[in-house]
Amino acid sequence: EFDIYATVDGGGEVGQAGALRHGIARALEKSDEALRAPLK
């Protein structure tokens, strides 16, 4: 449903993956407040 454009820097592959996952989760929460409960 969404196109995601990300810029990651610092750390290694796993750290960057975790940062990207965290950013995507925050963006989904911003898009729809009802998604906060399952993500949290």
PDB file of all heavy atoms in Angstrom:
ATOM      1  N   GLU A   1       0.807  -1.221   0.000  1.00  0.00           N
ATOM      2  CA  GLU A   1       0.000   0.000   0.000  1.00  0.00           C
ATOM      3  C   GLU A   1       0.838   1.268   0.000  1.00  0.00           C
ATOM      4  O   GLU A   1       0.335   2.336  -0.340  1.00  0.00           O
ATOM      5  CB  GLU A   1      -0.933   0.027   1.225  1.00  0.00           C
ATOM      6  CG  GLU A   1      -2.068  -0.959   1.142  1.00  0.00           C
ATOM      7  CD  GLU A   1      -3.042  -0.818   2.300  1.00  0.00           C
ATOM      8  OE1 GLU A   1      -3.232   0.310   2.793  1.00  0.00           O
ATOM      9  OE2 GLU A   1      -3.601  -1.840   2.708  1.00  0.00           O
ATOM     10  N   PHE A   2       2.107   1.150   0.423  1.00  0.00           N
ATOM     11  CA  PHE A   2       2.948   2.338   0.548  1.00  0.00           C
ATOM     12  C   PHE A   2       4.261   2.156  -0.196  1.00  0.00           C
ATOM     13  O   PHE A   2       4.820   1.061  -0.244  1.00  0.00           O
ATOM     14  CB  PHE A   2       3.277   2.610   2.033  1.00  0.00           C
ATOM     15  CG  PHE A   2       2.094   3.011   2.853  1.00  0.00           C
ATOM     16  CD1 PHE A   2       1.459   2.094   3.680  1.00  0.00           C
ATOM     17  CD2 PHE A   2       1.604   4.300   2.821  1.00  0.00           C
ATOM     18  CE1 PHE A   2       0.379   2.457   4.455  1.00  0.00           C
ATOM     19  CE2 PHE A   2       0.517   4.679   3.588  1.00  0.00           C
ATOM     20  CZ  PHE A   2      -0.097   3.747   4.408  1.00  0.00           C
ATOM     21  N   ASP A   3       4.753   3.254  -0.776  1.00  0.00           N
ATOM     22  CA  ASP A   3       6.103   3.296  -1.313  1.00  0.00           C
ATOM     23  C   ASP A   3       6.991   3.877  -0.221  1.00  0.00           C
ATOM     24  O   ASP A   3       6.628   4.878   0.412  1.00  0.00           O
ATOM     25  CB  ASP A   3       6.182   4.189  -2.553  1.00  0.00           C
ATOM     26  CG  ASP A   3       5.596   3.513  -3.785  1.00  0.00           C
ATOM     27  OD1 ASP A   3       5.422   2.282  -3.757  1.00  0.00           O
ATOM     28  OD2 ASP A   3       5.319   4.225  -4.771  1.00  0.00           O
ATOM     29  N   ILE A   4       8.142   3.259  -0.009  1.00  0.00           N
ATOM     30  CA  ILE A   4       9.039   3.697   1.060  1.00  0.00           C
ATOM     31  C   ILE A   4      10.379   4.065   0.453  1.00  0.00           C
ATOM     32  O   ILE A   4      10.984   3.275  -0.282  1.00  0.00           O
ATOM     33  CB  ILE A   4       9.203   2.591   2.124  1.00  0.00           C
ATOM     34  CG1 ILE A   4       7.858   2.335   2.794  1.00  0.00           C
ATOM     35  CG2 ILE A   4      10.256   2.977   3.154  1.00  0.00           C
ATOM     36  CD1 ILE A   4       7.801   1.097   3.635  1.00  0.00           C
ATOM     37  N   TYR A   5      10.818   5.285   0.745  1.00  0.00           N
ATOM     38  CA  TYR A   5      12.139   5.770   0.342  1.00  0.00           C
ATOM     39  C   TYR A   5      12.919   6.005   1.620  1.00  0.00           C
ATOM     40  O   TYR A   5      12.515   6.823   2.443  1.00  0.00           O
ATOM     41  CB  TYR A   5      12.020   7.066  -0.458  1.00  0.00           C
ATOM     42  CG  TYR A   5      11.124   6.933  -1.681  1.00  0.00           C
ATOM     43  CD1 TYR A   5       9.775   7.246  -1.612  1.00  0.00           C
ATOM     44  CD2 TYR A   5      11.633   6.454  -2.886  1.00  0.00           C
ATOM     45  CE1 TYR A   5       8.946   7.107  -2.717  1.00  0.00           C
ATOM     46  CE2 TYR A   5      10.811   6.300  -3.991  1.00  0.00           C
ATOM     47  CZ  TYR A   5       9.475   6.635  -3.900  1.00  0.00           C
ATOM     48  OH  TYR A   5       8.661   6.483  -4.995  1.00  0.00           O
ATOM     49  N   ALA A   6      14.019   5.300   1.805  1.00  0.00           N
ATOM     50  CA  ALA A   6      14.772   5.396   3.053  1.00  0.00           C
ATOM     51  C   ALA A   6      16.229   5.743   2.788  1.00  0.00           C
ATOM     52  O   ALA A   6      16.801   5.336   1.779  1.00  0.00           O
ATOM     53  CB  ALA A   6      14.691   4.084   3.824  1.00  0.00           C
ATOM     54  N   THR A   7      16.797   6.500   3.723  1.00  0.00           N
ATOM     55  CA  THR A   7      18.225   6.786   3.716  1.00  0.00           C
ATOM     56  C   THR A   7      18.772   6.258   5.025  1.00  0.00           C
ATOM     57  O   THR A   7      18.378   6.728   6.097  1.00  0.00           O
ATOM     58  CB  THR A   7      18.476   8.304   3.615  1.00  0.00           C
ATOM     59  OG1 THR A   7      17.757   8.812   2.499  1.00  0.00           O
ATOM     60  CG2 THR A   7      19.953   8.595   3.440  1.00  0.00           C
ATOM     61  N   VAL A   8      19.638   5.265   4.968  1.00  0.00           N
ATOM     62  CA  VAL A   8      20.222   4.698   6.185  1.00  0.00           C
ATOM     63  C   VAL A   8      21.710   4.990   6.208  1.00  0.00           C
ATOM     64  O   VAL A   8      22.369   5.005   5.167  1.00  0.00           O
ATOM     65  CB  VAL A   8      19.967   3.169   6.314  1.00  0.00           C
ATOM     66  CG1 VAL A   8      18.498   2.873   6.473  1.00  0.00           C
ATOM     67  CG2 VAL A   8      20.526   2.418   5.134  1.00  0.00           C
ATOM     68  N   ASP A   9      22.227   5.253   7.414  1.00  0.00           N
ATOM     69  CA  ASP A   9      23.661   5.470   7.545  1.00  0.00           C
ATOM     70  C   ASP A   9      24.111   5.060   8.933  1.00  0.00           C
ATOM     71  O   ASP A   9      23.320   5.017   9.865  1.00  0.00           O
ATOM     72  CB  ASP A   9      24.046   6.922   7.244  1.00  0.00           C
ATOM     73  CG  ASP A   9      23.349   7.912   8.150  1.00  0.00           C
ATOM     74  OD1 ASP A   9      22.113   7.837   8.239  1.00  0.00           O
ATOM     75  OD2 ASP A   9      24.041   8.735   8.776  1.00  0.00           O
ATOM     76  N   GLY A  10      25.393   4.731   9.041  1.00  0.00           N
ATOM     77  CA  GLY A  10      25.970   4.311  10.312  1.00  0.00           C
ATOM     78  C   GLY A  10      25.719   2.841  10.578  1.00  0.00           C
ATOM     79  O   GLY A  10      24.803   2.237  10.025  1.00  0.00           O
ATOM     80  N   GLY A  11      26.557   2.255  11.418  1.00  0.00           N
ATOM     81  CA  GLY A  11      26.361   0.874  11.839  1.00  0.00           C
ATOM     82  C   GLY A  11      26.604  -0.124  10.733  1.00  0.00           C
ATOM     83  O   GLY A  11      27.164   0.181   9.680  1.00  0.00           O
ATOM     84  N   GLY A  12      26.164  -1.345  10.976  1.00  0.00           N
ATOM     85  CA  GLY A  12      26.312  -2.428  10.011  1.00  0.00           C
ATOM     86  C   GLY A  12      24.972  -2.802   9.429  1.00  0.00           C
ATOM     87  O   GLY A  12      23.976  -2.110   9.617  1.00  0.00           O
ATOM     88  N   GLU A  13      24.941  -3.929   8.745  1.00  0.00           N
ATOM     89  CA  GLU A  13      23.730  -4.347   8.032  1.00  0.00           C
ATOM     90  C   GLU A  13      22.561  -4.602   8.988  1.00  0.00           C
ATOM     91  O   GLU A  13      21.440  -4.152   8.735  1.00  0.00           O
ATOM     92  CB  GLU A  13      24.026  -5.607   7.213  1.00  0.00           C
ATOM     93  CG  GLU A  13      22.919  -5.952   6.247  1.00  0.00           C
ATOM     94  CD  GLU A  13      23.221  -7.161   5.377  1.00  0.00           C
ATOM     95  OE1 GLU A  13      24.190  -7.888   5.679  1.00  0.00           O
ATOM     96  OE2 GLU A  13      22.477  -7.380   4.414  1.00  0.00           O
ATOM     97  N   VAL A  14      22.819  -5.295  10.093  1.00  0.00           N
ATOM     98  CA  VAL A  14      21.736  -5.630  11.030  1.00  0.00           C
ATOM     99  C   VAL A  14      21.245  -4.381  11.760  1.00  0.00           C
ATOM    100  O   VAL A  14      20.044  -4.197  11.966  1.00  0.00           O
ATOM    101  CB  VAL A  14      22.209  -6.717  12.024  1.00  0.00           C
ATOM    102  CG1 VAL A  14      21.158  -6.970  13.079  1.00  0.00           C
ATOM    103  CG2 VAL A  14      22.515  -8.001  11.286  1.00  0.00           C
ATOM    104  N   GLY A  15      22.166  -3.504  12.143  1.00  0.00           N
ATOM    105  CA  GLY A  15      21.781  -2.245  12.795  1.00  0.00           C
ATOM    106  C   GLY A  15      20.955  -1.378  11.878  1.00  0.00           C
ATOM    107  O   GLY A  15      19.940  -0.793  12.293  1.00  0.00           O
ATOM    108  N   GLN A  16      21.343  -1.301  10.612  1.00  0.00           N
ATOM    109  CA  GLN A  16      20.588  -0.521   9.639  1.00  0.00           C
ATOM    110  C   GLN A  16      19.214  -1.121   9.401  1.00  0.00           C
ATOM    111  O   GLN A  16      18.222  -0.397   9.262  1.00  0.00           O
ATOM    112  CB  GLN A  16      21.362  -0.425   8.319  1.00  0.00           C
ATOM    113  CG  GLN A  16      22.568   0.473   8.411  1.00  0.00           C
ATOM    114  CD  GLN A  16      23.301   0.621   7.094  1.00  0.00           C
ATOM    115  OE1 GLN A  16      22.997  -0.078   6.121  1.00  0.00           O
ATOM    116  NE2 GLN A  16      24.262   1.513   7.051  1.00  0.00           N
ATOM    117  N   ALA A  17      19.139  -2.442   9.387  1.00  0.00           N
ATOM    118  CA  ALA A  17      17.847  -3.120   9.211  1.00  0.00           C
ATOM    119  C   ALA A  17      16.920  -2.801  10.385  1.00  0.00           C
ATOM    120  O   ALA A  17      15.740  -2.518  10.187  1.00  0.00           O
ATOM    121  CB  ALA A  17      18.053  -4.619   9.093  1.00  0.00           C
ATOM    122  N   GLY A  18      17.447  -2.839  11.596  1.00  0.00           N
ATOM    123  CA  GLY A  18      16.651  -2.512  12.782  1.00  0.00           C
ATOM    124  C   GLY A  18      16.183  -1.072  12.774  1.00  0.00           C
ATOM    125  O   GLY A  18      15.048  -0.765  13.151  1.00  0.00           O
ATOM    126  N   ALA A  19      17.056  -0.160  12.326  1.00  0.00           N
ATOM    127  CA  ALA A  19      16.698   1.255  12.241  1.00  0.00           C
ATOM    128  C   ALA A  19      15.590   1.464  11.215  1.00  0.00           C
ATOM    129  O   ALA A  19      14.634   2.208  11.460  1.00  0.00           O
ATOM    130  CB  ALA A  19      17.926   2.081  11.886  1.00  0.00           C
ATOM    131  N   LEU A  20      15.703   0.781  10.077  1.00  0.00           N
ATOM    132  CA  LEU A  20      14.693   0.906   9.026  1.00  0.00           C
ATOM    133  C   LEU A  20      13.351   0.345   9.484  1.00  0.00           C
ATOM    134  O   LEU A  20      12.297   0.956   9.252  1.00  0.00           O
ATOM    135  CB  LEU A  20      15.174   0.198   7.756  1.00  0.00           C
ATOM    136  CG  LEU A  20      14.272   0.284   6.530  1.00  0.00           C
ATOM    137  CD1 LEU A  20      13.927   1.719   6.191  1.00  0.00           C
ATOM    138  CD2 LEU A  20      14.945  -0.391   5.348  1.00  0.00           C
ATOM    139  N   ARG A  21      13.369  -0.782  10.169  1.00  0.00           N
ATOM    140  CA  ARG A  21      12.140  -1.393  10.714  1.00  0.00           C
ATOM    141  C   ARG A  21      11.466  -0.441  11.696  1.00  0.00           C
ATOM    142  O   ARG A  21      10.250  -0.256  11.670  1.00  0.00           O
ATOM    143  CB  ARG A  21      12.497  -2.706  11.388  1.00  0.00           C
ATOM    144  CG  ARG A  21      11.356  -3.403  12.092  1.00  0.00           C
ATOM    145  CD  ARG A  21      11.911  -4.679  12.719  1.00  0.00           C
ATOM    146  NE  ARG A  21      10.919  -5.419  13.423  1.00  0.00           N
ATOM    147  CZ  ARG A  21      10.958  -5.671  14.740  1.00  0.00           C
ATOM    148  NH1 ARG A  21      11.954  -5.225  15.471  1.00  0.00           N
ATOM    149  NH2 ARG A  21      10.025  -6.380  15.318  1.00  0.00           N
ATOM    150  N   HIS A  22      12.262   0.186  12.564  1.00  0.00           N
ATOM    151  CA  HIS A  22      11.748   1.142  13.547  1.00  0.00           C
ATOM    152  C   HIS A  22      11.125   2.349  12.840  1.00  0.00           C
ATOM    153  O   HIS A  22      10.032   2.805  13.213  1.00  0.00           O
ATOM    154  CB  HIS A  22      12.892   1.571  14.469  1.00  0.00           C
ATOM    155  CG  HIS A  22      12.480   2.448  15.595  1.00  0.00           C
ATOM    156  ND1 HIS A  22      13.172   3.575  15.943  1.00  0.00           N
ATOM    157  CD2 HIS A  22      11.448   2.365  16.465  1.00  0.00           C
ATOM    158  CE1 HIS A  22      12.579   4.155  16.970  1.00  0.00           C
ATOM    159  NE2 HIS A  22      11.528   3.437  17.310  1.00  0.00           N
ATOM    160  N   GLY A  23      11.797   2.856  11.805  1.00  0.00           N
ATOM    161  CA  GLY A  23      11.277   3.994  11.051  1.00  0.00           C
ATOM    162  C   GLY A  23       9.988   3.672  10.317  1.00  0.00           C
ATOM    163  O   GLY A  23       9.057   4.489  10.289  1.00  0.00           O
ATOM    164  N   ILE A  24       9.902   2.485   9.739  1.00  0.00           N
ATOM    165  CA  ILE A  24       8.684   2.068   9.026  1.00  0.00           C
ATOM    166  C   ILE A  24       7.515   1.937  10.009  1.00  0.00           C
ATOM    167  O   ILE A  24       6.396   2.376   9.729  1.00  0.00           O
ATOM    168  CB  ILE A  24       8.918   0.752   8.249  1.00  0.00           C
ATOM    169  CG1 ILE A  24       9.865   0.993   7.074  1.00  0.00           C
ATOM    170  CG2 ILE A  24       7.596   0.159   7.763  1.00  0.00           C
ATOM    171  CD1 ILE A  24      10.356  -0.269   6.392  1.00  0.00           C
ATOM    172  N   ALA A  25       7.782   1.355  11.177  1.00  0.00           N
ATOM    173  CA  ALA A  25       6.730   1.202  12.190  1.00  0.00           C
ATOM    174  C   ALA A  25       6.218   2.567  12.642  1.00  0.00           C
ATOM    175  O   ALA A  25       5.004   2.765  12.786  1.00  0.00           O
ATOM    176  CB  ALA A  25       7.262   0.408  13.377  1.00  0.00           C
ATOM    177  N   ARG A  26       7.129   3.509  12.837  1.00  0.00           N
ATOM    178  CA  ARG A  26       6.722   4.859  13.245  1.00  0.00           C
ATOM    179  C   ARG A  26       5.905   5.550  12.154  1.00  0.00           C
ATOM    180  O   ARG A  26       4.943   6.271  12.445  1.00  0.00           O
ATOM    181  CB  ARG A  26       7.957   5.707  13.561  1.00  0.00           C
ATOM    182  CG  ARG A  26       8.590   5.408  14.886  1.00  0.00           C
ATOM    183  CD  ARG A  26       9.844   6.239  15.062  1.00  0.00           C
ATOM    184  NE  ARG A  26      10.004   6.646  16.449  1.00  0.00           N
ATOM    185  CZ  ARG A  26      10.955   7.473  16.860  1.00  0.00           C
ATOM    186  NH1 ARG A  26      11.817   7.986  15.998  1.00  0.00           N
ATOM    187  NH2 ARG A  26      11.052   7.794  18.134  1.00  0.00           N
ATOM    188  N   ALA A  27       6.290   5.333  10.903  1.00  0.00           N
ATOM    189  CA  ALA A  27       5.563   5.935   9.778  1.00  0.00           C
ATOM    190  C   ALA A  27       4.152   5.355   9.670  1.00  0.00           C
ATOM    191  O   ALA A  27       3.197   6.083   9.408  1.00  0.00           O
ATOM    192  CB  ALA A  27       6.338   5.716   8.483  1.00  0.00           C
ATOM    193  N   LEU A  28       4.035   4.038   9.867  1.00  0.00           N
ATOM    194  CA  LEU A  28       2.707   3.411   9.824  1.00  0.00           C
ATOM    195  C   LEU A  28       1.813   3.948  10.935  1.00  0.00           C
ATOM    196  O   LEU A  28       0.629   4.185  10.722  1.00  0.00           O
ATOM    197  CB  LEU A  28       2.839   1.886   9.944  1.00  0.00           C
ATOM    198  CG  LEU A  28       3.352   1.159   8.711  1.00  0.00           C
ATOM    199  CD1 LEU A  28       3.702  -0.279   9.047  1.00  0.00           C
ATOM    200  CD2 LEU A  28       2.326   1.210   7.596  1.00  0.00           C
ATOM    201  N   GLU A  29       2.396   4.154  12.110  1.00  0.00           N
ATOM    202  CA  GLU A  29       1.630   4.710  13.220  1.00  0.00           C
ATOM    203  C   GLU A  29       1.157   6.123  12.895  1.00  0.00           C
ATOM    204  O   GLU A  29       0.030   6.495  13.211  1.00  0.00           O
ATOM    205  CB  GLU A  29       2.485   4.730  14.491  1.00  0.00           C
ATOM    206  CG  GLU A  29       1.735   5.267  15.702  1.00  0.00           C
ATOM    207  CD  GLU A  29       2.639   5.836  16.776  1.00  0.00           C
ATOM    208  OE1 GLU A  29       3.855   5.934  16.559  1.00  0.00           O
ATOM    209  OE2 GLU A  29       2.104   6.197  17.832  1.00  0.00           O
ATOM    210  N   LYS A  30       2.019   6.911  12.249  1.00  0.00           N
ATOM    211  CA  LYS A  30       1.646   8.273  11.857  1.00  0.00           C
ATOM    212  C   LYS A  30       0.528   8.268  10.819  1.00  0.00           C
ATOM    213  O   LYS A  30      -0.322   9.148  10.820  1.00  0.00           O
ATOM    214  CB  LYS A  30       2.860   9.001  11.272  1.00  0.00           C
ATOM    215  CG  LYS A  30       3.473  10.020  12.172  1.00  0.00           C
ATOM    216  CD  LYS A  30       4.516  10.804  11.394  1.00  0.00           C
ATOM    217  CE  LYS A  30       5.176  11.839  12.269  1.00  0.00           C
ATOM    218  NZ  LYS A  30       6.195  12.605  11.522  1.00  0.00           N
ATOM    219  N   SER A  31       0.549   7.263   9.922  1.00  0.00           N
ATOM    220  CA  SER A  31      -0.450   7.205   8.863  1.00  0.00           C
ATOM    221  C   SER A  31      -1.833   6.854   9.399  1.00  0.00           C
ATOM    222  O   SER A  31      -2.839   7.332   8.888  1.00  0.00           O
ATOM    223  CB  SER A  31      -0.046   6.200   7.788  1.00  0.00           C
ATOM    224  OG  SER A  31      -0.181   4.878   8.263  1.00  0.00           O
ATOM    225  N   ASP A  32      -1.885   5.994  10.421  1.00  0.00           N
ATOM    226  CA  ASP A  32      -3.160   5.569  10.996  1.00  0.00           C
ATOM    227  C   ASP A  32      -2.958   5.277  12.484  1.00  0.00           C
ATOM    228  O   ASP A  32      -2.254   4.336  12.842  1.00  0.00           O
ATOM    229  CB  ASP A  32      -3.664   4.327  10.261  1.00  0.00           C
ATOM    230  CG  ASP A  32      -5.041   3.879  10.732  1.00  0.00           C
ATOM    231  OD1 ASP A  32      -5.658   4.608  11.542  1.00  0.00           O
ATOM    232  OD2 ASP A  32      -5.491   2.810  10.292  1.00  0.00           O
ATOM    233  N   GLU A  33      -3.560   6.081  13.313  1.00  0.00           N
ATOM    234  CA  GLU A  33      -3.400   5.966  14.772  1.00  0.00           C
ATOM    235  C   GLU A  33      -3.900   4.623  15.313  1.00  0.00           C
ATOM    236  O   GLU A  33      -3.445   4.152  16.345  1.00  0.00           O
ATOM    237  CB  GLU A  33      -4.151   7.115  15.466  1.00  0.00           C
ATOM    238  CG  GLU A  33      -3.725   7.397  16.882  1.00  0.00           C
ATOM    239  CD  GLU A  33      -2.290   7.897  17.012  1.00  0.00           C
ATOM    240  OE1 GLU A  33      -1.840   8.654  16.138  1.00  0.00           O
ATOM    241  OE2 GLU A  33      -1.623   7.502  17.989  1.00  0.00           O
ATOM    242  N   ALA A  34      -4.827   3.973  14.586  1.00  0.00           N
ATOM    243  CA  ALA A  34      -5.372   2.676  15.022  1.00  0.00           C
ATOM    244  C   ALA A  34      -4.321   1.564  14.966  1.00  0.00           C
ATOM    245  O   ALA A  34      -4.473   0.531  15.624  1.00  0.00           O
ATOM    246  CB  ALA A  34      -6.570   2.298  14.159  1.00  0.00           C
ATOM    247  N   LEU A  35      -3.250   1.778  14.188  1.00  0.00           N
ATOM    248  CA  LEU A  35      -2.202   0.767  14.066  1.00  0.00           C
ATOM    249  C   LEU A  35      -1.244   0.782  15.259  1.00  0.00           C
ATOM    250  O   LEU A  35      -0.405  -0.106  15.385  1.00  0.00           O
ATOM    251  CB  LEU A  35      -1.401   0.981  12.774  1.00  0.00           C
ATOM    252  CG  LEU A  35      -2.184   0.897  11.470  1.00  0.00           C
ATOM    253  CD1 LEU A  35      -1.278   1.209  10.297  1.00  0.00           C
ATOM    254  CD2 LEU A  35      -2.802  -0.475  11.305  1.00  0.00           C
ATOM    255  N   ARG A  36      -1.362   1.792  16.118  1.00  0.00           N
ATOM    256  CA  ARG A  36      -0.439   1.919  17.248  1.00  0.00           C
ATOM    257  C   ARG A  36      -0.478   0.702  18.170  1.00  0.00           C
ATOM    258  O   ARG A  36       0.569   0.181  18.553  1.00  0.00           O
ATOM    259  CB  ARG A  36      -0.736   3.193  18.040  1.00  0.00           C
ATOM    260  CG  ARG A  36       0.194   3.394  19.221  1.00  0.00           C
ATOM    261  CD  ARG A  36      -0.038   4.734  19.916  1.00  0.00           C
ATOM    262  NE  ARG A  36       0.683   4.794  21.171  1.00  0.00           N
ATOM    263  CZ  ARG A  36       1.972   5.081  21.289  1.00  0.00           C
ATOM    264  NH1 ARG A  36       2.687   5.315  20.200  1.00  0.00           N
ATOM    265  NH2 ARG A  36       2.548   5.122  22.477  1.00  0.00           N
ATOM    266  N   ALA A  37      -1.670   0.229  18.512  1.00  0.00           N
ATOM    267  CA  ALA A  37      -1.809  -0.881  19.460  1.00  0.00           C
ATOM    268  C   ALA A  37      -1.103  -2.159  18.989  1.00  0.00           C
ATOM    269  O   ALA A  37      -0.297  -2.718  19.739  1.00  0.00           O
ATOM    270  CB  ALA A  37      -3.284  -1.145  19.747  1.00  0.00           C
ATOM    271  N   PRO A  38      -1.358  -2.650  17.757  1.00  0.00           N
ATOM    272  CA  PRO A  38      -0.662  -3.883  17.356  1.00  0.00           C
ATOM    273  C   PRO A  38       0.850  -3.695  17.205  1.00  0.00           C
ATOM    274  O   PRO A  38       1.621  -4.599  17.533  1.00  0.00           O
ATOM    275  CB  PRO A  38      -1.296  -4.249  16.017  1.00  0.00           C
ATOM    276  CG  PRO A  38      -1.993  -3.032  15.544  1.00  0.00           C
ATOM    277  CD  PRO A  38      -2.356  -2.244  16.748  1.00  0.00           C
ATOM    278  N   LEU A  39       1.277  -2.525  16.733  1.00  0.00           N
ATOM    279  CA  LEU A  39       2.719  -2.279  16.572  1.00  0.00           C
ATOM    280  C   LEU A  39       3.408  -2.203  17.931  1.00  0.00           C
ATOM    281  O   LEU A  39       4.502  -2.731  18.115  1.00  0.00           O
ATOM    282  CB  LEU A  39       2.963  -0.980  15.795  1.00  0.00           C
ATOM    283  CG  LEU A  39       2.660  -1.030  14.294  1.00  0.00           C
ATOM    284  CD1 LEU A  39       2.686   0.359  13.690  1.00  0.00           C
ATOM    285  CD2 LEU A  39       3.629  -1.934  13.575  1.00  0.00           C
ATOM    286  N   LYS A  40       2.752  -1.562  18.885  1.00  0.00           N
ATOM    287  CA  LYS A  40       3.342  -1.432  20.225  1.00  0.00           C
ATOM    288  C   LYS A  40       3.387  -2.787  20.920  1.00  0.00           C
ATOM    289  O   LYS A  40       4.378  -3.131  21.567  1.00  0.00           O
ATOM    290  CB  LYS A  40       2.544  -0.425  21.063  1.00  0.00           C
ATOM    291  CG  LYS A  40       3.222  -0.071  22.371  1.00  0.00           C
ATOM    292  CD  LYS A  40       2.744   1.258  22.877  1.00  0.00           C
ATOM    293  CE  LYS A  40       3.363   1.615  24.199  1.00  0.00           C
ATOM    294  NZ  LYS A  40       4.797   1.897  24.108  1.00  0.00           N
TER     295      LYS A  40
END
